[in-house]
Amino acid sequence: MKKKMKKINWQKYIAIILAAMMILGSIAALQSAVNAEDAVEVLTQAKAVELALANNLELKIAEQEQKETNITRSQQNKIAKEDDPTGSYDLDLLVEVAKVNKENLTKLAQATYNSSKLETELAAKNAYAQLVNAKEAYTLAEKNKAQAEEALRFAKKKQELGQASNVQVLSAEAELSSKQAALSSAEITYKQKLMDINVIMNQELNKQWTIDANVELKTVELKPLEELKQAMLTTHPAALGADLSYKIAEAKYLTAKGFYPENVWTYQLAQVDYEQAKYQYELTKRSQEKALNQAYIGVEGSINTVNALKKSVEATAEAYRIAKLRYDLGLVTAYDVNEAALQLNNMENNLLSAKLGYMLAVSQLEYISGVKQ
């Protein structure tokens, strides 16, 4: 009998241990899930740019293209060493073009890669700005929906007291449906913008981030426009590419001029190509100068917008403060206070968008001019 009791007690002991292990396992699993939730990385604009510059596939392609161009230049160097005329138009032309490439390809390759880096940085900042705006719009849409639900409850309560008509209730229901649709649209937009920035940073498409919407605005002192213009013409790949095409066309024309009379089609075609390249270079310069001026104006306009919205936020914040005081005195309802809070939230979102817009305008100016501000 004693042996049987001991056996039963031992079985109970094992069962208790197993139960305890299962409970501990469940707790550990729950804790792991909580930790996983907490482990969602914070994404700032600086981090988005850092990840994009390190992982962006288009930038990696640009890097390989730079290496390819440098190899081509190395080949051109060997050809360019031939100084003595060969007596052959084709061979002399090959040497003259190689001399032009020798002097310009490396600079063009480096400028193209630098421009690609600035373009990637601009794309990351733009995608981040759109993501932040989409996130804030989604949050605001949630608040608007909650406000519409409160308005509907308020309308129904007034109807029960005989203070509101059925039309007013139907109007509140329609407003709620509108806010629900806006919330669904905002959620879709947010998910799309999340995928956009993940592509630029070369991350998993559906990777989630905790968005840091705290933007510390640092205004820059713009360099003189003429200084930026001169830098652009010597560093931007569009200008350098057009300049290279012009110099190659010039080399072809001068070579053809040394071999053929004016009535030979080889000479005539070379002359036409030369004139066309000259006009193309001037057109490219004008286009770049226009883009530079527009970007410069954009920066100036963006900071003016930021300053104006700062004042609007201050005014809206004061209106919200007064609404809370009036509520404490029983002069307005909680609905009125919530409405004032939503207006303040909306204005703050507008200011955030303006700050991000200013930062994008500066990046756009840097991309076009090739000069960091």
Protein backbone atom coordinates (compact mmCIF):
# COMPACT_ATOMS: atom_id res chain seq x y z
CA MET A 1 0.00 0.00 0.00
CA LYS A 2 2.82 2.42 0.90
CA LYS A 3 4.58 1.61 -2.36
CA LYS A 4 1.40 2.37 -4.27
CA MET A 5 1.02 5.72 -2.47
CA LYS A 6 4.59 6.63 -3.28
CA LYS A 7 4.01 5.79 -6.92
CA ILE A 8 0.90 7.94 -7.09
CA ASN A 9 2.66 10.87 -5.40
CA TRP A 10 5.56 10.57 -7.81
CA GLN A 11 3.17 10.70 -10.79
CA LYS A 12 1.50 13.82 -9.35
CA TYR A 13 4.90 15.39 -8.87
CA ILE A 14 5.82 14.78 -12.52
CA ALA A 15 2.46 16.16 -13.67
CA ILE A 16 2.98 19.32 -11.62
CA ILE A 17 6.45 19.82 -13.09
CA LEU A 18 5.14 19.37 -16.64
CA ALA A 19 2.30 21.81 -16.00
CA ALA A 20 4.73 24.35 -14.59
CA MET A 21 7.00 23.97 -17.61
CA MET A 22 4.06 24.55 -19.95
CA ILE A 23 3.06 27.69 -18.05
CA LEU A 24 6.64 28.99 -18.09
CA GLY A 25 6.86 28.20 -21.80
CA SER A 26 3.68 30.18 -22.46
CA ILE A 27 5.00 33.11 -20.45
CA ALA A 28 8.30 32.98 -22.32
CA ALA A 29 6.47 32.88 -25.66
CA LEU A 30 4.33 35.84 -24.63
CA GLN A 31 7.40 37.76 -23.48
CA SER A 32 9.14 36.93 -26.75
CA ALA A 33 6.17 38.30 -28.69
CA VAL A 34 6.22 41.48 -26.60
CA ASN A 35 9.97 41.83 -27.16
CA ALA A 36 9.49 41.31 -30.89
CA GLU A 37 6.95 44.11 -30.88
CA ASP A 38 9.32 46.34 -28.95
CA ALA A 39 12.15 45.40 -31.34
CA VAL A 40 10.59 47.23 -34.31
CA GLU A 41 13.34 49.57 -35.45
CA VAL A 42 12.96 53.31 -35.34
CA LEU A 43 13.33 54.93 -38.74
CA THR A 44 14.58 58.50 -38.90
CA GLN A 45 15.34 60.47 -42.03
CA ALA A 46 19.07 60.14 -41.34
CA LYS A 47 18.78 56.36 -41.02
CA ALA A 48 16.72 56.13 -44.21
CA VAL A 49 19.46 57.99 -46.10
CA GLU A 50 22.18 55.83 -44.51
CA LEU A 51 20.45 52.57 -45.47
CA ALA A 52 19.75 53.82 -48.99
CA LEU A 53 23.37 54.85 -49.61
CA ALA A 54 24.58 51.49 -48.29
CA ASN A 55 22.06 49.19 -50.01
CA ASN A 56 20.31 50.91 -52.92
CA LEU A 57 20.63 48.70 -56.00
CA GLU A 58 20.55 51.56 -58.52
CA LEU A 59 23.48 53.17 -56.72
CA LYS A 60 25.38 49.88 -56.81
CA ILE A 61 24.76 49.73 -60.56
CA ALA A 62 26.07 53.30 -60.89
CA GLU A 63 29.21 52.27 -59.02
CA GLN A 64 29.83 49.44 -61.49
CA GLU A 65 29.21 51.80 -64.41
CA GLN A 66 31.87 54.11 -63.00
CA LYS A 67 34.34 51.22 -62.91
CA GLU A 68 33.41 50.31 -66.48
CA THR A 69 34.01 53.88 -67.63
CA ASN A 70 37.41 53.93 -65.93
CA ILE A 71 38.35 50.73 -67.75
CA THR A 72 37.27 52.33 -71.03
CA ARG A 73 39.42 55.35 -70.24
CA SER A 74 42.39 53.07 -69.63
CA GLN A 75 41.90 51.60 -73.10
CA GLN A 76 41.59 55.09 -74.57
CA ASN A 77 44.86 56.12 -72.91
CA LYS A 78 46.80 53.59 -74.93
CA ILE A 79 45.26 54.78 -78.18
CA ALA A 80 45.81 58.44 -77.28
CA LYS A 81 49.58 57.87 -76.98
CA GLU A 82 49.82 57.64 -80.76
CA ASP A 83 51.04 61.16 -81.60
CA ASP A 84 52.29 60.75 -85.17
CA PRO A 85 49.73 61.07 -87.99
CA THR A 86 48.95 57.72 -89.59
CA GLY A 87 47.76 59.07 -92.93
CA SER A 88 44.43 57.32 -92.39
CA TYR A 89 41.35 59.37 -91.55
CA ASP A 90 39.75 56.57 -89.50
CA LEU A 91 42.90 55.90 -87.47
CA ASP A 92 43.67 59.58 -86.89
CA LEU A 93 40.05 60.14 -85.86
CA LEU A 94 40.28 57.24 -83.42
CA VAL A 95 43.36 58.81 -81.82
CA GLU A 96 41.84 62.29 -81.57
CA VAL A 97 38.64 60.98 -79.96
CA ALA A 98 40.74 58.91 -77.56
CA LYS A 99 42.60 62.06 -76.51
CA VAL A 100 39.30 63.77 -75.70
CA ASN A 101 38.08 60.76 -73.74
CA LYS A 102 41.36 60.54 -71.87
CA GLU A 103 40.92 64.09 -70.57
CA ASN A 104 37.22 63.89 -69.76
CA LEU A 105 35.96 60.35 -69.04
CA THR A 106 37.27 60.02 -65.48
CA LYS A 107 35.81 63.36 -64.46
CA LEU A 108 32.49 62.50 -66.07
CA ALA A 109 32.39 59.07 -64.45
CA GLN A 110 33.06 60.52 -60.99
CA ALA A 111 30.50 63.28 -61.50
CA THR A 112 27.90 60.75 -62.64
CA TYR A 113 28.48 58.59 -59.58
CA ASN A 114 28.40 61.58 -57.23
CA SER A 115 25.16 62.69 -58.84
CA SER A 116 23.73 59.20 -58.38
CA LYS A 117 24.57 59.37 -54.67
CA LEU A 118 22.84 62.73 -54.34
CA GLU A 119 19.89 61.37 -56.30
CA THR A 120 19.64 58.35 -53.99
CA GLU A 121 19.83 60.60 -50.94
CA LEU A 122 17.12 62.81 -52.39
CA ALA A 123 14.94 59.78 -53.18
CA ALA A 124 15.32 58.49 -49.61
CA LYS A 125 14.43 61.86 -48.10
CA ASN A 126 11.47 62.22 -50.44
CA ALA A 127 10.20 58.72 -49.66
CA TYR A 128 10.66 59.34 -45.93
CA ALA A 129 8.73 62.61 -46.14
CA GLN A 130 5.89 60.89 -47.96
CA LEU A 131 5.91 58.06 -45.41
CA VAL A 132 5.75 60.47 -42.48
CA ASN A 133 2.94 62.42 -44.14
CA ALA A 134 1.05 59.20 -44.86
CA LYS A 135 1.50 58.04 -41.26
CA GLU A 136 0.31 61.38 -39.86
CA ALA A 137 -2.62 61.39 -42.29
CA TYR A 138 -3.55 57.89 -41.15
CA THR A 139 -3.38 58.91 -37.48
CA LEU A 140 -5.48 62.00 -38.19
CA ALA A 141 -8.00 59.89 -40.12
CA GLU A 142 -8.36 57.64 -37.05
CA LYS A 143 -9.04 60.68 -34.88
CA ASN A 144 -11.52 62.08 -37.39
CA LYS A 145 -13.37 58.78 -37.44
CA ALA A 146 -13.51 58.74 -33.63
CA GLN A 147 -14.78 62.31 -33.70
CA ALA A 148 -17.47 61.38 -36.24
CA GLU A 149 -18.55 58.46 -34.03
CA GLU A 150 -18.84 60.85 -31.09
CA ALA A 151 -20.85 63.27 -33.23
CA LEU A 152 -23.23 60.47 -34.21
CA ARG A 153 -23.73 59.43 -30.59
CA PHE A 154 -24.34 63.08 -29.69
CA ALA A 155 -26.90 63.46 -32.51
CA LYS A 156 -28.75 60.30 -31.46
CA LYS A 157 -28.81 61.49 -27.84
CA LYS A 158 -30.27 64.82 -28.92
CA GLN A 159 -32.84 63.00 -31.04
CA GLU A 160 -33.94 60.99 -27.99
CA LEU A 161 -34.41 64.30 -26.15
CA GLY A 162 -36.35 65.74 -29.07
CA GLN A 163 -33.60 68.26 -29.87
CA ALA A 164 -32.46 66.81 -33.21
CA SER A 165 -34.29 65.61 -36.29
CA ASN A 166 -33.87 62.34 -38.14
CA VAL A 167 -32.17 64.28 -40.95
CA GLN A 168 -29.45 65.42 -38.53
CA VAL A 169 -28.83 61.84 -37.44
CA LEU A 170 -28.67 60.65 -41.05
CA SER A 171 -26.21 63.44 -41.79
CA ALA A 172 -24.01 62.34 -38.89
CA GLU A 173 -24.16 58.73 -40.15
CA ALA A 174 -23.15 59.87 -43.64
CA GLU A 175 -20.25 61.85 -42.15
CA LEU A 176 -19.10 58.76 -40.24
CA SER A 177 -19.20 56.66 -43.43
CA SER A 178 -17.11 59.33 -45.14
CA LYS A 179 -14.52 59.27 -42.34
CA GLN A 180 -14.40 55.45 -42.43
CA ALA A 181 -13.71 55.54 -46.17
CA ALA A 182 -11.02 58.19 -45.63
CA LEU A 183 -9.41 56.00 -42.96
CA SER A 184 -9.30 53.00 -45.31
CA SER A 185 -7.76 55.14 -48.04
CA ALA A 186 -5.18 56.56 -45.60
CA GLU A 187 -4.22 53.06 -44.46
CA ILE A 188 -3.68 51.89 -48.05
CA THR A 189 -1.57 54.97 -48.82
CA TYR A 190 0.57 54.40 -45.73
CA LYS A 191 1.26 50.77 -46.70
CA GLN A 192 2.18 51.86 -50.23
CA LYS A 193 4.60 54.51 -48.99
CA LEU A 194 6.13 51.97 -46.61
CA MET A 195 6.87 49.67 -49.55
CA ASP A 196 8.29 52.60 -51.55
CA ILE A 197 10.90 53.47 -48.94
CA ASN A 198 11.75 49.82 -48.29
CA VAL A 199 12.54 49.43 -52.01
CA ILE A 200 14.84 52.47 -51.96
CA MET A 201 16.63 51.15 -48.85
CA ASN A 202 16.64 47.60 -50.32
CA GLN A 203 14.76 46.15 -47.33
CA GLU A 204 11.97 43.58 -47.17
CA LEU A 205 8.90 45.09 -48.84
CA ASN A 206 6.61 44.72 -45.83
CA LYS A 207 9.19 45.53 -43.16
CA GLN A 208 7.61 47.60 -40.41
CA TRP A 209 9.22 50.64 -38.85
CA THR A 210 8.50 52.93 -35.95
CA ILE A 211 8.41 56.31 -37.65
CA ASP A 212 10.16 59.14 -35.87
CA ALA A 213 8.18 62.20 -36.91
CA ASN A 214 10.18 64.59 -34.75
CA VAL A 215 11.90 66.74 -37.36
CA GLU A 216 14.59 69.10 -36.15
CA LEU A 217 14.70 71.79 -38.78
CA LYS A 218 18.12 73.22 -39.53
CA THR A 219 18.03 76.11 -41.95
CA VAL A 220 21.01 76.59 -44.22
CA GLU A 221 22.63 79.76 -45.48
CA LEU A 222 22.43 79.48 -49.23
CA LYS A 223 25.56 80.05 -51.25
CA PRO A 224 25.32 82.77 -53.92
CA LEU A 225 23.41 81.63 -56.99
CA GLU A 226 26.25 82.51 -59.38
CA GLU A 227 28.67 80.41 -57.34
CA LEU A 228 26.29 77.44 -57.53
CA LYS A 229 25.90 77.97 -61.26
CA GLN A 230 29.65 77.79 -61.89
CA ALA A 231 29.95 74.68 -59.72
CA MET A 232 27.05 73.02 -61.53
CA LEU A 233 28.58 73.52 -64.97
CA THR A 234 31.81 71.84 -63.84
CA THR A 235 30.34 69.00 -61.74
CA HIS A 236 26.87 68.05 -63.00
CA PRO A 237 26.95 64.99 -65.32
CA ALA A 238 24.38 66.51 -67.71
CA ALA A 239 26.62 69.53 -68.33
CA LEU A 240 29.80 67.45 -68.45
CA GLY A 241 28.20 64.89 -70.78
CA ALA A 242 27.07 67.60 -73.20
CA ASP A 243 30.53 69.19 -73.01
CA LEU A 244 32.18 65.84 -73.81
CA SER A 245 29.85 65.28 -76.78
CA TYR A 246 30.73 68.76 -78.04
CA LYS A 247 34.48 68.17 -77.74
CA ILE A 248 34.24 64.81 -79.53
CA ALA A 249 32.20 66.39 -82.33
CA GLU A 250 34.79 69.16 -82.55
CA ALA A 251 37.61 66.60 -82.80
CA LYS A 252 35.78 64.77 -85.59
CA TYR A 253 35.16 68.01 -87.46
CA LEU A 254 38.78 69.19 -87.22
CA THR A 255 40.06 65.76 -88.29
CA ALA A 256 37.69 65.66 -91.27
CA LYS A 257 38.69 69.21 -92.17
CA GLY A 258 42.31 68.13 -92.35
CA PHE A 259 41.55 65.25 -94.72
CA TYR A 260 38.65 66.30 -96.96
CA PRO A 261 37.51 69.34 -98.94
CA GLU A 262 34.24 71.03 -98.05
CA ASN A 263 32.26 69.31 -100.83
CA VAL A 264 32.86 65.79 -99.43
CA TRP A 265 29.98 64.36 -97.37
CA THR A 266 32.31 63.14 -94.59
CA TYR A 267 33.40 66.72 -94.00
CA GLN A 268 29.84 68.03 -94.28
CA LEU A 269 28.41 65.50 -91.83
CA ALA A 270 31.20 66.19 -89.35
CA GLN A 271 30.48 69.90 -89.61
CA VAL A 272 26.73 69.38 -89.04
CA ASP A 273 27.42 67.14 -86.03
CA TYR A 274 29.77 69.75 -84.62
CA GLU A 275 27.22 72.57 -84.95
CA GLN A 276 24.48 70.37 -83.49
CA ALA A 277 26.63 69.39 -80.50
CA LYS A 278 27.45 73.05 -79.88
CA TYR A 279 23.76 73.96 -79.79
CA GLN A 280 22.99 70.94 -77.64
CA TYR A 281 25.61 71.98 -75.12
CA GLU A 282 24.16 75.49 -74.92
CA LEU A 283 20.64 74.05 -74.56
CA THR A 284 21.78 71.77 -71.75
CA LYS A 285 23.42 74.68 -69.96
CA ARG A 286 20.25 76.75 -70.22
CA SER A 287 18.09 73.88 -69.00
CA GLN A 288 20.37 73.26 -66.03
CA GLU A 289 20.49 76.96 -65.19
CA LYS A 290 16.69 77.07 -65.26
CA ALA A 291 16.45 74.02 -62.98
CA LEU A 292 19.00 75.59 -60.63
CA ASN A 293 17.08 78.86 -60.42
CA GLN A 294 13.82 77.02 -59.77
CA ALA A 295 15.42 74.94 -57.03
CA TYR A 296 16.91 78.06 -55.46
CA ILE A 297 13.52 79.79 -55.45
CA GLY A 298 11.99 76.61 -54.05
CA VAL A 299 14.25 76.69 -51.00
CA GLU A 300 13.45 80.33 -50.33
CA GLY A 301 9.72 79.71 -50.74
CA SER A 302 9.79 76.63 -48.50
CA ILE A 303 11.30 78.42 -45.53
CA ASN A 304 8.71 81.20 -45.90
CA THR A 305 5.98 78.56 -45.77
CA VAL A 306 7.49 77.04 -42.63
CA ASN A 307 7.62 80.41 -40.89
CA ALA A 308 4.00 81.20 -41.82
CA LEU A 309 2.76 77.83 -40.57
CA LYS A 310 4.62 78.25 -37.29
CA LYS A 311 2.46 81.30 -36.62
CA SER A 312 -0.67 79.38 -37.62
CA VAL A 313 0.20 76.59 -35.19
CA GLU A 314 0.68 79.14 -32.41
CA ALA A 315 -2.73 80.67 -33.14
CA THR A 316 -4.45 77.28 -33.32
CA ALA A 317 -2.79 76.19 -30.08
CA GLU A 318 -4.13 79.32 -28.39
CA ALA A 319 -7.63 78.55 -29.70
CA TYR A 320 -7.37 75.04 -28.27
CA ARG A 321 -6.22 76.42 -24.92
CA ILE A 322 -9.21 78.77 -24.81
CA ALA A 323 -11.58 75.92 -25.76
CA LYS A 324 -10.34 73.89 -22.78
CA LEU A 325 -10.85 76.86 -20.45
CA ARG A 326 -14.39 77.36 -21.77
CA TYR A 327 -15.09 73.67 -21.27
CA ASP A 328 -13.94 73.92 -17.64
CA LEU A 329 -16.43 76.78 -17.21
CA GLY A 330 -19.21 74.73 -18.79
CA LEU A 331 -19.53 77.03 -21.80
CA VAL A 332 -18.73 74.43 -24.48
CA THR A 333 -19.02 70.66 -24.84
CA ALA A 334 -16.29 68.02 -24.98
CA TYR A 335 -17.07 67.73 -28.70
CA ASP A 336 -16.04 71.37 -29.20
CA VAL A 337 -12.76 70.76 -27.37
CA ASN A 338 -12.06 67.68 -29.49
CA GLU A 339 -12.80 69.69 -32.61
CA ALA A 340 -10.26 72.33 -31.55
CA ALA A 341 -7.74 69.57 -30.78
CA LEU A 342 -8.22 68.09 -34.26
CA GLN A 343 -7.68 71.49 -35.86
CA LEU A 344 -4.45 71.89 -33.90
CA ASN A 345 -3.33 68.39 -34.87
CA ASN A 346 -4.08 69.12 -38.53
CA MET A 347 -2.12 72.38 -38.41
CA GLU A 348 0.83 70.67 -36.73
CA ASN A 349 0.80 68.06 -39.50
CA ASN A 350 0.87 70.87 -42.07
CA LEU A 351 3.89 72.37 -40.33
CA LEU A 352 5.62 68.98 -40.28
CA SER A 353 4.99 68.59 -44.02
CA ALA A 354 6.38 72.07 -44.62
CA LYS A 355 9.55 71.28 -42.66
CA LEU A 356 10.07 68.09 -44.64
CA GLY A 357 9.34 70.05 -47.82
CA TYR A 358 12.06 72.55 -46.95
CA MET A 359 14.58 69.77 -46.35
CA LEU A 360 13.64 68.21 -49.69
CA ALA A 361 14.02 71.56 -51.43
CA VAL A 362 17.55 71.89 -50.04
CA SER A 363 18.39 68.34 -51.21
CA GLN A 364 16.99 69.14 -54.66
CA LEU A 365 19.22 72.21 -54.86
CA GLU A 366 22.23 70.11 -53.82
CA TYR A 367 21.42 67.50 -56.47
CA ILE A 368 21.16 70.05 -59.27
CA SER A 369 24.14 72.18 -58.25
CA GLY A 370 26.34 69.33 -57.03
CA VAL A 371 27.20 71.47 -53.99
CA LYS A 372 26.36 70.50 -50.40
CA GLN A 373 24.70 73.34 -48.52
